[in-house]
């Protein structure tokens, strides 16, 4: 979800995946937009963590 809102997750991955990167209230407010498809949304978020999005950015 941090990737979805544009946060840098490279520090997160370097620390071994600290799970409290965002507050629970922040995550719930973002996920509320996707109700009743929150599980599907989170599946996509897990998948996007493995994608190199730097190739999509303009120079």
Protein backbone atom coordinates (compact mmCIF):
# COMPACT_ATOMS: atom_id res chain seq x y z
CA UNK A 1 0.00 0.00 0.00
CA UNK A 2 2.96 2.30 0.59
CA UNK A 3 3.89 1.79 -3.05
CA UNK A 4 0.36 2.68 -4.12
CA UNK A 5 0.52 6.08 -2.42
CA UNK A 6 4.03 6.75 -3.72
CA UNK A 7 6.24 6.12 -0.70
CA UNK A 8 9.79 4.85 -1.13
CA UNK A 9 9.78 1.19 -0.14
CA UNK A 10 13.48 0.54 -0.82
CA UNK A 11 14.24 1.35 2.84
CA UNK A 12 11.45 -0.99 3.89
CA UNK A 13 12.83 -3.88 1.85
CA UNK A 14 16.37 -3.24 3.17
CA UNK A 15 15.16 -3.60 6.77
CA UNK A 16 13.63 -7.00 6.12
CA UNK A 17 10.03 -5.86 5.74
CA UNK A 18 9.03 -3.86 8.80
CA UNK A 19 5.24 -4.12 8.64
CA UNK A 20 4.33 -0.91 10.53
CA UNK A 21 5.35 1.37 7.65
CA UNK A 22 1.95 3.11 7.71
CA UNK A 23 -0.62 3.53 10.46
CA UNK A 24 -3.58 1.19 10.50
CA UNK A 25 -5.97 4.14 10.18
CA UNK A 26 -4.17 5.29 7.00
CA UNK A 27 -4.39 1.83 5.48
CA UNK A 28 -8.07 1.47 6.35
CA UNK A 29 -8.98 4.85 4.86
CA UNK A 30 -7.17 4.04 1.60
CA UNK A 31 -8.65 0.53 1.42
CA UNK A 32 -12.19 1.81 2.06
CA UNK A 33 -12.29 3.20 -1.49
CA UNK A 34 -11.98 -0.34 -2.85
CA UNK A 35 -14.74 -1.97 -0.80
CA UNK A 36 -15.98 -4.68 -1.42
CA UNK A 37 -12.89 -5.59 -3.50
CA UNK A 38 -10.24 -4.89 -0.86
CA UNK A 39 -8.80 -8.41 -1.00
CA UNK A 40 -8.29 -8.12 -4.74
CA UNK A 41 -6.77 -4.66 -4.29
CA UNK A 42 -4.29 -6.00 -1.72
CA UNK A 43 -3.36 -8.90 -3.99
CA UNK A 44 -2.45 -6.38 -6.68
CA UNK A 45 -0.48 -4.35 -4.15
CA UNK A 46 1.56 -7.43 -3.18
CA UNK A 47 2.23 -8.10 -6.86
CA UNK A 48 3.24 -4.52 -7.65
CA UNK A 49 5.99 -4.64 -5.02
CA UNK A 50 7.91 -6.96 -7.34
CA UNK A 51 7.58 -4.68 -10.39
CA UNK A 52 10.29 -2.22 -11.40
CA UNK A 53 8.22 0.90 -12.06
CA UNK A 54 11.27 3.07 -12.73
CA UNK A 55 11.07 2.12 -16.44
CA UNK A 56 7.65 3.81 -16.63
CA UNK A 57 8.90 7.16 -15.36
CA UNK A 58 9.82 9.92 -17.80
CA UNK A 59 13.36 11.26 -17.68
